[in-house]
Amino acid sequence: MTPSQAEDALRAVVGPDALLCTDGSGALRTAAAELGVTSKSVVVGYDGRVGEGFYYVQTVNDYHEQFNFWVNRQLRGVSTKRLPSYLARMRLWE
């Protein structure tokens, strides 16, 4: 993902008073700076958890991994224009 793609994706959902927690993505840090949003990068710990104090992004990483597994195993790929309905269907099945 490029910084401009990240900025486009975040613009509509992240407000100026938000704190964007990332796992070290340079594109997300750059996008946060362009949007005027505070960002916090957390690193992977020795136990595999991505967190620092109460800053925690492992839940998002886990959901992304589950979604990729589901899409590739059950659907054999995903159409970008139908991504919202795929996400909704996955939430219902969980």
PDB file of N, CA and C in Angstrom:
ATOM      1  N   MET A   1       0.844  -1.165   0.000  1.00  0.00           N
ATOM      2  CA  MET A   1       0.000   0.000   0.000  1.00  0.00           C
ATOM      3  C   MET A   1       0.891   1.231   0.000  1.00  0.00           C
ATOM      4  N   THR A   2       0.532   2.185  -0.809  1.00  0.00           N
ATOM      5  CA  THR A   2       1.284   3.441  -0.864  1.00  0.00           C
ATOM      6  C   THR A   2       0.688   4.430   0.129  1.00  0.00           C
ATOM      7  N   PRO A   3       1.451   5.455   0.514  1.00  0.00           N
ATOM      8  CA  PRO A   3       0.905   6.471   1.419  1.00  0.00           C
ATOM      9  C   PRO A   3      -0.353   7.147   0.868  1.00  0.00           C
ATOM     10  N   SER A   4      -0.415   7.392  -0.440  1.00  0.00           N
ATOM     11  CA  SER A   4      -1.607   8.038  -1.000  1.00  0.00           C
ATOM     12  C   SER A   4      -2.817   7.108  -0.948  1.00  0.00           C
ATOM     13  N   GLN A   5      -2.625   5.808  -1.152  1.00  0.00           N
ATOM     14  CA  GLN A   5      -3.727   4.852  -1.029  1.00  0.00           C
ATOM     15  C   GLN A   5      -4.220   4.796   0.415  1.00  0.00           C
ATOM     16  N   ALA A   6      -3.297   4.790   1.358  1.00  0.00           N
ATOM     17  CA  ALA A   6      -3.675   4.767   2.771  1.00  0.00           C
ATOM     18  C   ALA A   6      -4.419   6.039   3.147  1.00  0.00           C
ATOM     19  N   GLU A   7      -3.938   7.164   2.656  1.00  0.00           N
ATOM     20  CA  GLU A   7      -4.602   8.439   2.935  1.00  0.00           C
ATOM     21  C   GLU A   7      -6.018   8.449   2.377  1.00  0.00           C
ATOM     22  N   ASP A   8      -6.199   7.979   1.164  1.00  0.00           N
ATOM     23  CA  ASP A   8      -7.530   7.915   0.554  1.00  0.00           C
ATOM     24  C   ASP A   8      -8.466   7.018   1.361  1.00  0.00           C
ATOM     25  N   ALA A   9      -7.953   5.873   1.826  1.00  0.00           N
ATOM     26  CA  ALA A   9      -8.778   4.933   2.590  1.00  0.00           C
ATOM     27  C   ALA A   9      -9.153   5.484   3.962  1.00  0.00           C
ATOM     28  N   LEU A  10      -8.260   6.239   4.575  1.00  0.00           N
ATOM     29  CA  LEU A  10      -8.488   6.733   5.935  1.00  0.00           C
ATOM     30  C   LEU A  10      -9.247   8.048   5.999  1.00  0.00           C
ATOM     31  N   ARG A  11      -9.213   8.819   4.949  1.00  0.00           N
ATOM     32  CA  ARG A  11      -9.779  10.173   4.963  1.00  0.00           C
ATOM     33  C   ARG A  11     -11.220  10.202   5.472  1.00  0.00           C
ATOM     34  N   ALA A  12     -12.055   9.295   5.023  1.00  0.00           N
ATOM     35  CA  ALA A  12     -13.478   9.318   5.373  1.00  0.00           C
ATOM     36  C   ALA A  12     -13.781   8.719   6.749  1.00  0.00           C
ATOM     37  N   VAL A  13     -12.840   7.975   7.319  1.00  0.00           N
ATOM     38  CA  VAL A  13     -13.159   7.258   8.564  1.00  0.00           C
ATOM     39  C   VAL A  13     -12.336   7.679   9.780  1.00  0.00           C
ATOM     40  N   VAL A  14     -11.323   8.520   9.574  1.00  0.00           N
ATOM     41  CA  VAL A  14     -10.475   8.948  10.683  1.00  0.00           C
ATOM     42  C   VAL A  14     -10.587  10.458  10.846  1.00  0.00           C
ATOM     43  N   GLY A  15     -11.020  10.875  12.032  1.00  0.00           N
ATOM     44  CA  GLY A  15     -11.167  12.299  12.304  1.00  0.00           C
ATOM     45  C   GLY A  15      -9.869  12.919  12.786  1.00  0.00           C
ATOM     46  N   PRO A  16      -9.810  14.245  12.840  1.00  0.00           N
ATOM     47  CA  PRO A  16      -8.580  14.931  13.232  1.00  0.00           C
ATOM     48  C   PRO A  16      -8.168  14.699  14.685  1.00  0.00           C
ATOM     49  N   ASP A  17      -9.104  14.276  15.525  1.00  0.00           N
ATOM     50  CA  ASP A  17      -8.777  14.031  16.927  1.00  0.00           C
ATOM     51  C   ASP A  17      -8.474  12.559  17.211  1.00  0.00           C
ATOM     52  N   ALA A  18      -8.352  11.735  16.174  1.00  0.00           N
ATOM     53  CA  ALA A  18      -8.116  10.298  16.325  1.00  0.00           C
ATOM     54  C   ALA A  18      -6.647  10.012  16.610  1.00  0.00           C
ATOM     55  N   LEU A  19      -6.399   8.852  17.181  1.00  0.00           N
ATOM     56  CA  LEU A  19      -5.056   8.317  17.356  1.00  0.00           C
ATOM     57  C   LEU A  19      -4.988   7.049  16.523  1.00  0.00           C
ATOM     58  N   LEU A  20      -4.143   7.032  15.511  1.00  0.00           N
ATOM     59  CA  LEU A  20      -4.012   5.896  14.610  1.00  0.00           C
ATOM     60  C   LEU A  20      -2.870   5.009  15.095  1.00  0.00           C
ATOM     61  N   CYS A  21      -3.206   3.804  15.554  1.00  0.00           N
ATOM     62  CA  CYS A  21      -2.195   2.842  16.009  1.00  0.00           C
ATOM     63  C   CYS A  21      -1.867   1.901  14.867  1.00  0.00           C
ATOM     64  N   THR A  22      -0.595   1.749  14.563  1.00  0.00           N
ATOM     65  CA  THR A  22      -0.167   0.886  13.465  1.00  0.00           C
ATOM     66  C   THR A  22       0.915  -0.061  13.947  1.00  0.00           C
ATOM     67  N   ASP A  23       1.207  -1.067  13.119  1.00  0.00           N
ATOM     68  CA  ASP A  23       2.285  -1.996  13.451  1.00  0.00           C
ATOM     69  C   ASP A  23       3.573  -1.637  12.720  1.00  0.00           C
ATOM     70  N   GLY A  24       3.768  -0.363  12.461  1.00  0.00           N
ATOM     71  CA  GLY A  24       5.022   0.106  11.892  1.00  0.00           C
ATOM     72  C   GLY A  24       4.976   0.422  10.415  1.00  0.00           C
ATOM     73  N   SER A  25       3.818   0.418   9.818  1.00  0.00           N
ATOM     74  CA  SER A  25       3.700   0.692   8.392  1.00  0.00           C
ATOM     75  C   SER A  25       4.095   2.134   8.073  1.00  0.00           C
ATOM     76  N   GLY A  26       5.084   2.289   7.226  1.00  0.00           N
ATOM     77  CA  GLY A  26       5.510   3.624   6.820  1.00  0.00           C
ATOM     78  C   GLY A  26       4.436   4.368   6.046  1.00  0.00           C
ATOM     79  N   ALA A  27       3.667   3.621   5.239  1.00  0.00           N
ATOM     80  CA  ALA A  27       2.587   4.242   4.465  1.00  0.00           C
ATOM     81  C   ALA A  27       1.528   4.823   5.392  1.00  0.00           C
ATOM     82  N   LEU A  28       1.199   4.105   6.463  1.00  0.00           N
ATOM     83  CA  LEU A  28       0.192   4.597   7.405  1.00  0.00           C
ATOM     84  C   LEU A  28       0.705   5.791   8.204  1.00  0.00           C
ATOM     85  N   ARG A  29       1.967   5.763   8.572  1.00  0.00           N
ATOM     86  CA  ARG A  29       2.536   6.924   9.294  1.00  0.00           C
ATOM     87  C   ARG A  29       2.520   8.163   8.417  1.00  0.00           C
ATOM     88  N   THR A  30       2.899   8.019   7.159  1.00  0.00           N
ATOM     89  CA  THR A  30       2.895   9.152   6.230  1.00  0.00           C
ATOM     90  C   THR A  30       1.481   9.654   5.998  1.00  0.00           C
ATOM     91  N   ALA A  31       0.523   8.736   5.812  1.00  0.00           N
ATOM     92  CA  ALA A  31      -0.874   9.128   5.605  1.00  0.00           C
ATOM     93  C   ALA A  31      -1.414   9.861   6.818  1.00  0.00           C
ATOM     94  N   ALA A  32      -1.074   9.393   8.017  1.00  0.00           N
ATOM     95  CA  ALA A  32      -1.531  10.051   9.242  1.00  0.00           C
ATOM     96  C   ALA A  32      -0.987  11.475   9.310  1.00  0.00           C
ATOM     97  N   ALA A  33       0.266  11.649   8.952  1.00  0.00           N
ATOM     98  CA  ALA A  33       0.869  12.985   8.970  1.00  0.00           C
ATOM     99  C   ALA A  33       0.176  13.903   7.959  1.00  0.00           C
ATOM    100  N   GLU A  34      -0.132  13.373   6.772  1.00  0.00           N
ATOM    101  CA  GLU A  34      -0.813  14.173   5.746  1.00  0.00           C
ATOM    102  C   GLU A  34      -2.224  14.563   6.181  1.00  0.00           C
ATOM    103  N   LEU A  35      -2.882  13.680   6.946  1.00  0.00           N
ATOM    104  CA  LEU A  35      -4.237  13.951   7.409  1.00  0.00           C
ATOM    105  C   LEU A  35      -4.270  14.770   8.705  1.00  0.00           C
ATOM    106  N   GLY A  36      -3.101  14.994   9.290  1.00  0.00           N
ATOM    107  CA  GLY A  36      -3.038  15.738  10.537  1.00  0.00           C
ATOM    108  C   GLY A  36      -3.493  14.931  11.743  1.00  0.00           C
ATOM    109  N   VAL A  37      -3.336  13.614  11.664  1.00  0.00           N
ATOM    110  CA  VAL A  37      -3.761  12.700  12.717  1.00  0.00           C
ATOM    111  C   VAL A  37      -2.531  12.220  13.485  1.00  0.00           C
ATOM    112  N   THR A  38      -2.653  12.105  14.783  1.00  0.00           N
ATOM    113  CA  THR A  38      -1.573  11.562  15.599  1.00  0.00           C
ATOM    114  C   THR A  38      -1.476  10.064  15.348  1.00  0.00           C
ATOM    115  N   SER A  39      -0.251   9.568  15.182  1.00  0.00           N
ATOM    116  CA  SER A  39      -0.082   8.131  14.968  1.00  0.00           C
ATOM    117  C   SER A  39       0.877   7.567  16.010  1.00  0.00           C
ATOM    118  N   LYS A  40       0.670   6.302  16.334  1.00  0.00           N
ATOM    119  CA  LYS A  40       1.504   5.592  17.296  1.00  0.00           C
ATOM    120  C   LYS A  40       1.873   4.256  16.683  1.00  0.00           C
ATOM    121  N   SER A  41       3.166   4.024  16.503  1.00  0.00           N
ATOM    122  CA  SER A  41       3.630   2.746  15.978  1.00  0.00           C
ATOM    123  C   SER A  41       4.002   1.847  17.143  1.00  0.00           C
ATOM    124  N   VAL A  42       3.502   0.626  17.112  1.00  0.00           N
ATOM    125  CA  VAL A  42       3.861  -0.354  18.132  1.00  0.00           C
ATOM    126  C   VAL A  42       4.564  -1.500  17.438  1.00  0.00           C
ATOM    127  N   VAL A  43       5.448  -2.160  18.154  1.00  0.00           N
ATOM    128  CA  VAL A  43       6.262  -3.211  17.543  1.00  0.00           C
ATOM    129  C   VAL A  43       5.822  -4.581  18.037  1.00  0.00           C
ATOM    130  N   VAL A  44       6.187  -5.597  17.279  1.00  0.00           N
ATOM    131  CA  VAL A  44       5.872  -6.968  17.657  1.00  0.00           C
ATOM    132  C   VAL A  44       6.764  -7.364  18.818  1.00  0.00           C
ATOM    133  N   GLY A  45       6.140  -7.897  19.874  1.00  0.00           N
ATOM    134  CA  GLY A  45       6.897  -8.357  21.030  1.00  0.00           C
ATOM    135  C   GLY A  45       7.477  -9.738  20.791  1.00  0.00           C
ATOM    136  N   TYR A  46       8.284 -10.202  21.724  1.00  0.00           N
ATOM    137  CA  TYR A  46       8.889 -11.525  21.598  1.00  0.00           C
ATOM    138  C   TYR A  46       7.844 -12.636  21.601  1.00  0.00           C
ATOM    139  N   ASP A  47       6.688 -12.365  22.213  1.00  0.00           N
ATOM    140  CA  ASP A  47       5.627 -13.370  22.265  1.00  0.00           C
ATOM    141  C   ASP A  47       4.714 -13.323  21.046  1.00  0.00           C
ATOM    142  N   GLY A  48       5.027 -12.441  20.068  1.00  0.00           N
ATOM    143  CA  GLY A  48       4.229 -12.341  18.856  1.00  0.00           C
ATOM    144  C   GLY A  48       3.096 -11.343  18.944  1.00  0.00           C
ATOM    145  N   ARG A  49       2.872 -10.768  20.124  1.00  0.00           N
ATOM    146  CA  ARG A  49       1.805  -9.796  20.293  1.00  0.00           C
ATOM    147  C   ARG A  49       2.280  -8.429  19.817  1.00  0.00           C
ATOM    148  N   VAL A  50       1.379  -7.694  19.189  1.00  0.00           N
ATOM    149  CA  VAL A  50       1.699  -6.357  18.718  1.00  0.00           C
ATOM    150  C   VAL A  50       1.012  -5.385  19.656  1.00  0.00           C
ATOM    151  N   GLY A  51       1.776  -4.888  20.618  1.00  0.00           N
ATOM    152  CA  GLY A  51       1.189  -3.970  21.581  1.00  0.00           C
ATOM    153  C   GLY A  51       2.234  -3.326  22.454  1.00  0.00           C
ATOM    154  N   GLU A  52       1.836  -2.216  23.054  1.00  0.00           N
ATOM    155  CA  GLU A  52       2.722  -1.478  23.943  1.00  0.00           C
ATOM    156  C   GLU A  52       1.824  -0.742  24.934  1.00  0.00           C
ATOM    157  N   GLY A  53       1.797  -1.223  26.177  1.00  0.00           N
ATOM    158  CA  GLY A  53       0.888  -0.619  27.139  1.00  0.00           C
ATOM    159  C   GLY A  53      -0.542  -0.867  26.716  1.00  0.00           C
ATOM    160  N   PHE A  54      -1.318   0.179  26.572  1.00  0.00           N
ATOM    161  CA  PHE A  54      -2.703  -0.001  26.128  1.00  0.00           C
ATOM    162  C   PHE A  54      -2.864   0.225  24.629  1.00  0.00           C
ATOM    163  N   TYR A  55      -1.772   0.471  23.912  1.00  0.00           N
ATOM    164  CA  TYR A  55      -1.818   0.535  22.449  1.00  0.00           C
ATOM    165  C   TYR A  55      -1.695  -0.886  21.924  1.00  0.00           C
ATOM    166  N   TYR A  56      -2.673  -1.302  21.127  1.00  0.00           N
ATOM    167  CA  TYR A  56      -2.752  -2.705  20.760  1.00  0.00           C
ATOM    168  C   TYR A  56      -3.368  -2.831  19.375  1.00  0.00           C
ATOM    169  N   VAL A  57      -2.719  -3.527  18.449  1.00  0.00           N
ATOM    170  CA  VAL A  57      -3.245  -3.683  17.091  1.00  0.00           C
ATOM    171  C   VAL A  57      -3.385  -5.142  16.677  1.00  0.00           C
ATOM    172  N   GLN A  58      -3.152  -6.065  17.572  1.00  0.00           N
ATOM    173  CA  GLN A  58      -3.194  -7.477  17.210  1.00  0.00           C
ATOM    174  C   GLN A  58      -4.580  -7.921  16.778  1.00  0.00           C
ATOM    175  N   THR A  59      -5.636  -7.342  17.335  1.00  0.00           N
ATOM    176  CA  THR A  59      -6.995  -7.715  16.954  1.00  0.00           C
ATOM    177  C   THR A  59      -7.230  -7.430  15.475  1.00  0.00           C
ATOM    178  N   VAL A  60      -6.774  -6.295  15.008  1.00  0.00           N
ATOM    179  CA  VAL A  60      -6.935  -5.940  13.598  1.00  0.00           C
ATOM    180  C   VAL A  60      -6.121  -6.890  12.731  1.00  0.00           C
ATOM    181  N   ASN A  61      -4.888  -7.175  13.133  1.00  0.00           N
ATOM    182  CA  ASN A  61      -4.058  -8.104  12.362  1.00  0.00           C
ATOM    183  C   ASN A  61      -4.698  -9.486  12.297  1.00  0.00           C
ATOM    184  N   ASP A  62      -5.275  -9.939  13.416  1.00  0.00           N
ATOM    185  CA  ASP A  62      -5.912 -11.246  13.459  1.00  0.00           C
ATOM    186  C   ASP A  62      -7.135 -11.282  12.548  1.00  0.00           C
ATOM    187  N   TYR A  63      -7.955 -10.225  12.580  1.00  0.00           N
ATOM    188  CA  TYR A  63      -9.138 -10.179  11.719  1.00  0.00           C
ATOM    189  C   TYR A  63      -8.732 -10.193  10.249  1.00  0.00           C
ATOM    190  N   HIS A  64      -7.686  -9.463   9.914  1.00  0.00           N
ATOM    191  CA  HIS A  64      -7.191  -9.433   8.537  1.00  0.00           C
ATOM    192  C   HIS A  64      -6.735 -10.825   8.106  1.00  0.00           C
ATOM    193  N   GLU A  65      -6.026 -11.537   8.974  1.00  0.00           N
ATOM    194  CA  GLU A  65      -5.562 -12.881   8.652  1.00  0.00           C
ATOM    195  C   GLU A  65      -6.741 -13.838   8.468  1.00  0.00           C
ATOM    196  N   GLN A  66      -7.748 -13.761   9.363  1.00  0.00           N
ATOM    197  CA  GLN A  66      -8.923 -14.621   9.243  1.00  0.00           C
ATOM    198  C   GLN A  66      -9.684 -14.325   7.956  1.00  0.00           C
ATOM    199  N   PHE A  67      -9.822 -13.051   7.622  1.00  0.00           N
ATOM    200  CA  PHE A  67     -10.534 -12.671   6.410  1.00  0.00           C
ATOM    201  C   PHE A  67      -9.819 -13.203   5.170  1.00  0.00           C
ATOM    202  N   ASN A  68      -8.501 -13.037   5.115  1.00  0.00           N
ATOM    203  CA  ASN A  68      -7.735 -13.545   3.971  1.00  0.00           C
ATOM    204  C   ASN A  68      -7.890 -15.050   3.827  1.00  0.00           C
ATOM    205  N   PHE A  69      -7.827 -15.763   4.950  1.00  0.00           N
ATOM    206  CA  PHE A  69      -7.974 -17.217   4.925  1.00  0.00           C
ATOM    207  C   PHE A  69      -9.361 -17.588   4.405  1.00  0.00           C
ATOM    208  N   TRP A  70     -10.399 -16.929   4.908  1.00  0.00           N
ATOM    209  CA  TRP A  70     -11.777 -17.209   4.514  1.00  0.00           C
ATOM    210  C   TRP A  70     -11.996 -16.928   3.029  1.00  0.00           C
ATOM    211  N   VAL A  71     -11.534 -15.768   2.567  1.00  0.00           N
ATOM    212  CA  VAL A  71     -11.720 -15.397   1.166  1.00  0.00           C
ATOM    213  C   VAL A  71     -11.001 -16.375   0.249  1.00  0.00           C
ATOM    214  N   ASN A  72      -9.767 -16.704   0.564  1.00  0.00           N
ATOM    215  CA  ASN A  72      -8.993 -17.565  -0.313  1.00  0.00           C
ATOM    216  C   ASN A  72      -9.442 -19.022  -0.266  1.00  0.00           C
ATOM    217  N   ARG A  73      -9.957 -19.468   0.874  1.00  0.00           N
ATOM    218  CA  ARG A  73     -10.375 -20.859   0.993  1.00  0.00           C
ATOM    219  C   ARG A  73     -11.812 -21.063   0.515  1.00  0.00           C
ATOM    220  N   GLN A  74     -12.718 -20.198   0.970  1.00  0.00           N
ATOM    221  CA  GLN A  74     -14.129 -20.382   0.654  1.00  0.00           C
ATOM    222  C   GLN A  74     -14.524 -19.784  -0.695  1.00  0.00           C
ATOM    223  N   LEU A  75     -14.001 -18.612  -1.022  1.00  0.00           N
ATOM    224  CA  LEU A  75     -14.467 -17.895  -2.204  1.00  0.00           C
ATOM    225  C   LEU A  75     -13.503 -17.930  -3.376  1.00  0.00           C
ATOM    226  N   ARG A  76     -12.273 -18.370  -3.125  1.00  0.00           N
ATOM    227  CA  ARG A  76     -11.248 -18.413  -4.181  1.00  0.00           C
ATOM    228  C   ARG A  76     -10.961 -17.038  -4.775  1.00  0.00           C
ATOM    229  N   GLY A  77     -10.942 -16.016  -3.940  1.00  0.00           N
ATOM    230  CA  GLY A  77     -10.649 -14.659  -4.387  1.00  0.00           C
ATOM    231  C   GLY A  77     -11.784 -13.721  -4.043  1.00  0.00           C
ATOM    232  N   VAL A  78     -11.561 -12.437  -4.241  1.00  0.00           N
ATOM    233  CA  VAL A  78     -12.551 -11.446  -3.870  1.00  0.00           C
ATOM    234  C   VAL A  78     -12.621 -10.359  -4.938  1.00  0.00           C
ATOM    235  N   SER A  79     -13.822  -9.886  -5.201  1.00  0.00           N
ATOM    236  CA  SER A  79     -14.032  -8.753  -6.088  1.00  0.00           C
ATOM    237  C   SER A  79     -14.050  -7.496  -5.237  1.00  0.00           C
ATOM    238  N   THR A  80     -13.245  -6.511  -5.585  1.00  0.00           N
ATOM    239  CA  THR A  80     -13.147  -5.294  -4.779  1.00  0.00           C
ATOM    240  C   THR A  80     -14.487  -4.594  -4.647  1.00  0.00           C
ATOM    241  N   LYS A  81     -15.288  -4.582  -5.690  1.00  0.00           N
ATOM    242  CA  LYS A  81     -16.557  -3.869  -5.599  1.00  0.00           C
ATOM    243  C   LYS A  81     -17.537  -4.571  -4.655  1.00  0.00           C
ATOM    244  N   ARG A  82     -17.318  -5.850  -4.363  1.00  0.00           N
ATOM    245  CA  ARG A  82     -18.199  -6.580  -3.450  1.00  0.00           C
ATOM    246  C   ARG A  82     -17.580  -6.775  -2.061  1.00  0.00           C
ATOM    247  N   LEU A  83     -16.466  -6.140  -1.801  1.00  0.00           N
ATOM    248  CA  LEU A  83     -15.773  -6.306  -0.530  1.00  0.00           C
ATOM    249  C   LEU A  83     -16.659  -6.007   0.681  1.00  0.00           C
ATOM    250  N   PRO A  84     -17.461  -4.918   0.696  1.00  0.00           N
ATOM    251  CA  PRO A  84     -18.324  -4.679   1.861  1.00  0.00           C
ATOM    252  C   PRO A  84     -19.294  -5.827   2.143  1.00  0.00           C
ATOM    253  N   SER A  85     -19.858  -6.430   1.102  1.00  0.00           N
ATOM    254  CA  SER A  85     -20.787  -7.538   1.351  1.00  0.00           C
ATOM    255  C   SER A  85     -20.043  -8.790   1.815  1.00  0.00           C
ATOM    256  N   TYR A  86     -18.825  -9.009   1.344  1.00  0.00           N
ATOM    257  CA  TYR A  86     -18.026 -10.136   1.837  1.00  0.00           C
ATOM    258  C   TYR A  86     -17.707  -9.965   3.315  1.00  0.00           C
ATOM    259  N   LEU A  87     -17.341  -8.734   3.708  1.00  0.00           N
ATOM    260  CA  LEU A  87     -17.054  -8.477   5.116  1.00  0.00           C
ATOM    261  C   LEU A  87     -18.294  -8.703   5.974  1.00  0.00           C
ATOM    262  N   ALA A  88     -19.445  -8.243   5.509  1.00  0.00           N
ATOM    263  CA  ALA A  88     -20.689  -8.445   6.250  1.00  0.00           C
ATOM    264  C   ALA A  88     -21.015  -9.932   6.369  1.00  0.00           C
ATOM    265  N   ARG A  89     -20.842 -10.683   5.289  1.00  0.00           N
ATOM    266  CA  ARG A  89     -21.121 -12.112   5.322  1.00  0.00           C
ATOM    267  C   ARG A  89     -20.193 -12.835   6.303  1.00  0.00           C
ATOM    268  N   MET A  90     -18.934 -12.447   6.324  1.00  0.00           N
ATOM    269  CA  MET A  90     -18.001 -13.075   7.252  1.00  0.00           C
ATOM    270  C   MET A  90     -18.405 -12.793   8.702  1.00  0.00           C
ATOM    271  N   ARG A  91     -18.800 -11.537   8.982  1.00  0.00           N
ATOM    272  CA  ARG A  91     -19.235 -11.202  10.346  1.00  0.00           C
ATOM    273  C   ARG A  91     -20.453 -12.026  10.751  1.00  0.00           C
ATOM    274  N   LEU A  92     -21.389 -12.237   9.829  1.00  0.00           N
ATOM    275  CA  LEU A  92     -22.574 -13.052  10.132  1.00  0.00           C
ATOM    276  C   LEU A  92     -22.206 -14.507  10.426  1.00  0.00           C
ATOM    277  N   TRP A  93     -21.292 -15.056   9.652  1.00  0.00           N
ATOM    278  CA  TRP A  93     -20.889 -16.454   9.849  1.00  0.00           C
ATOM    279  C   TRP A  93     -20.117 -16.664  11.139  1.00  0.00           C
ATOM    280  N   GLU A  94     -19.438 -15.615  11.613  1.00  0.00           N
ATOM    281  CA  GLU A  94     -18.705 -15.763  12.876  1.00  0.00           C
ATOM    282  C   GLU A  94     -19.676 -15.805  14.014  1.00  0.00           C
TER     283      GLU A  94
END
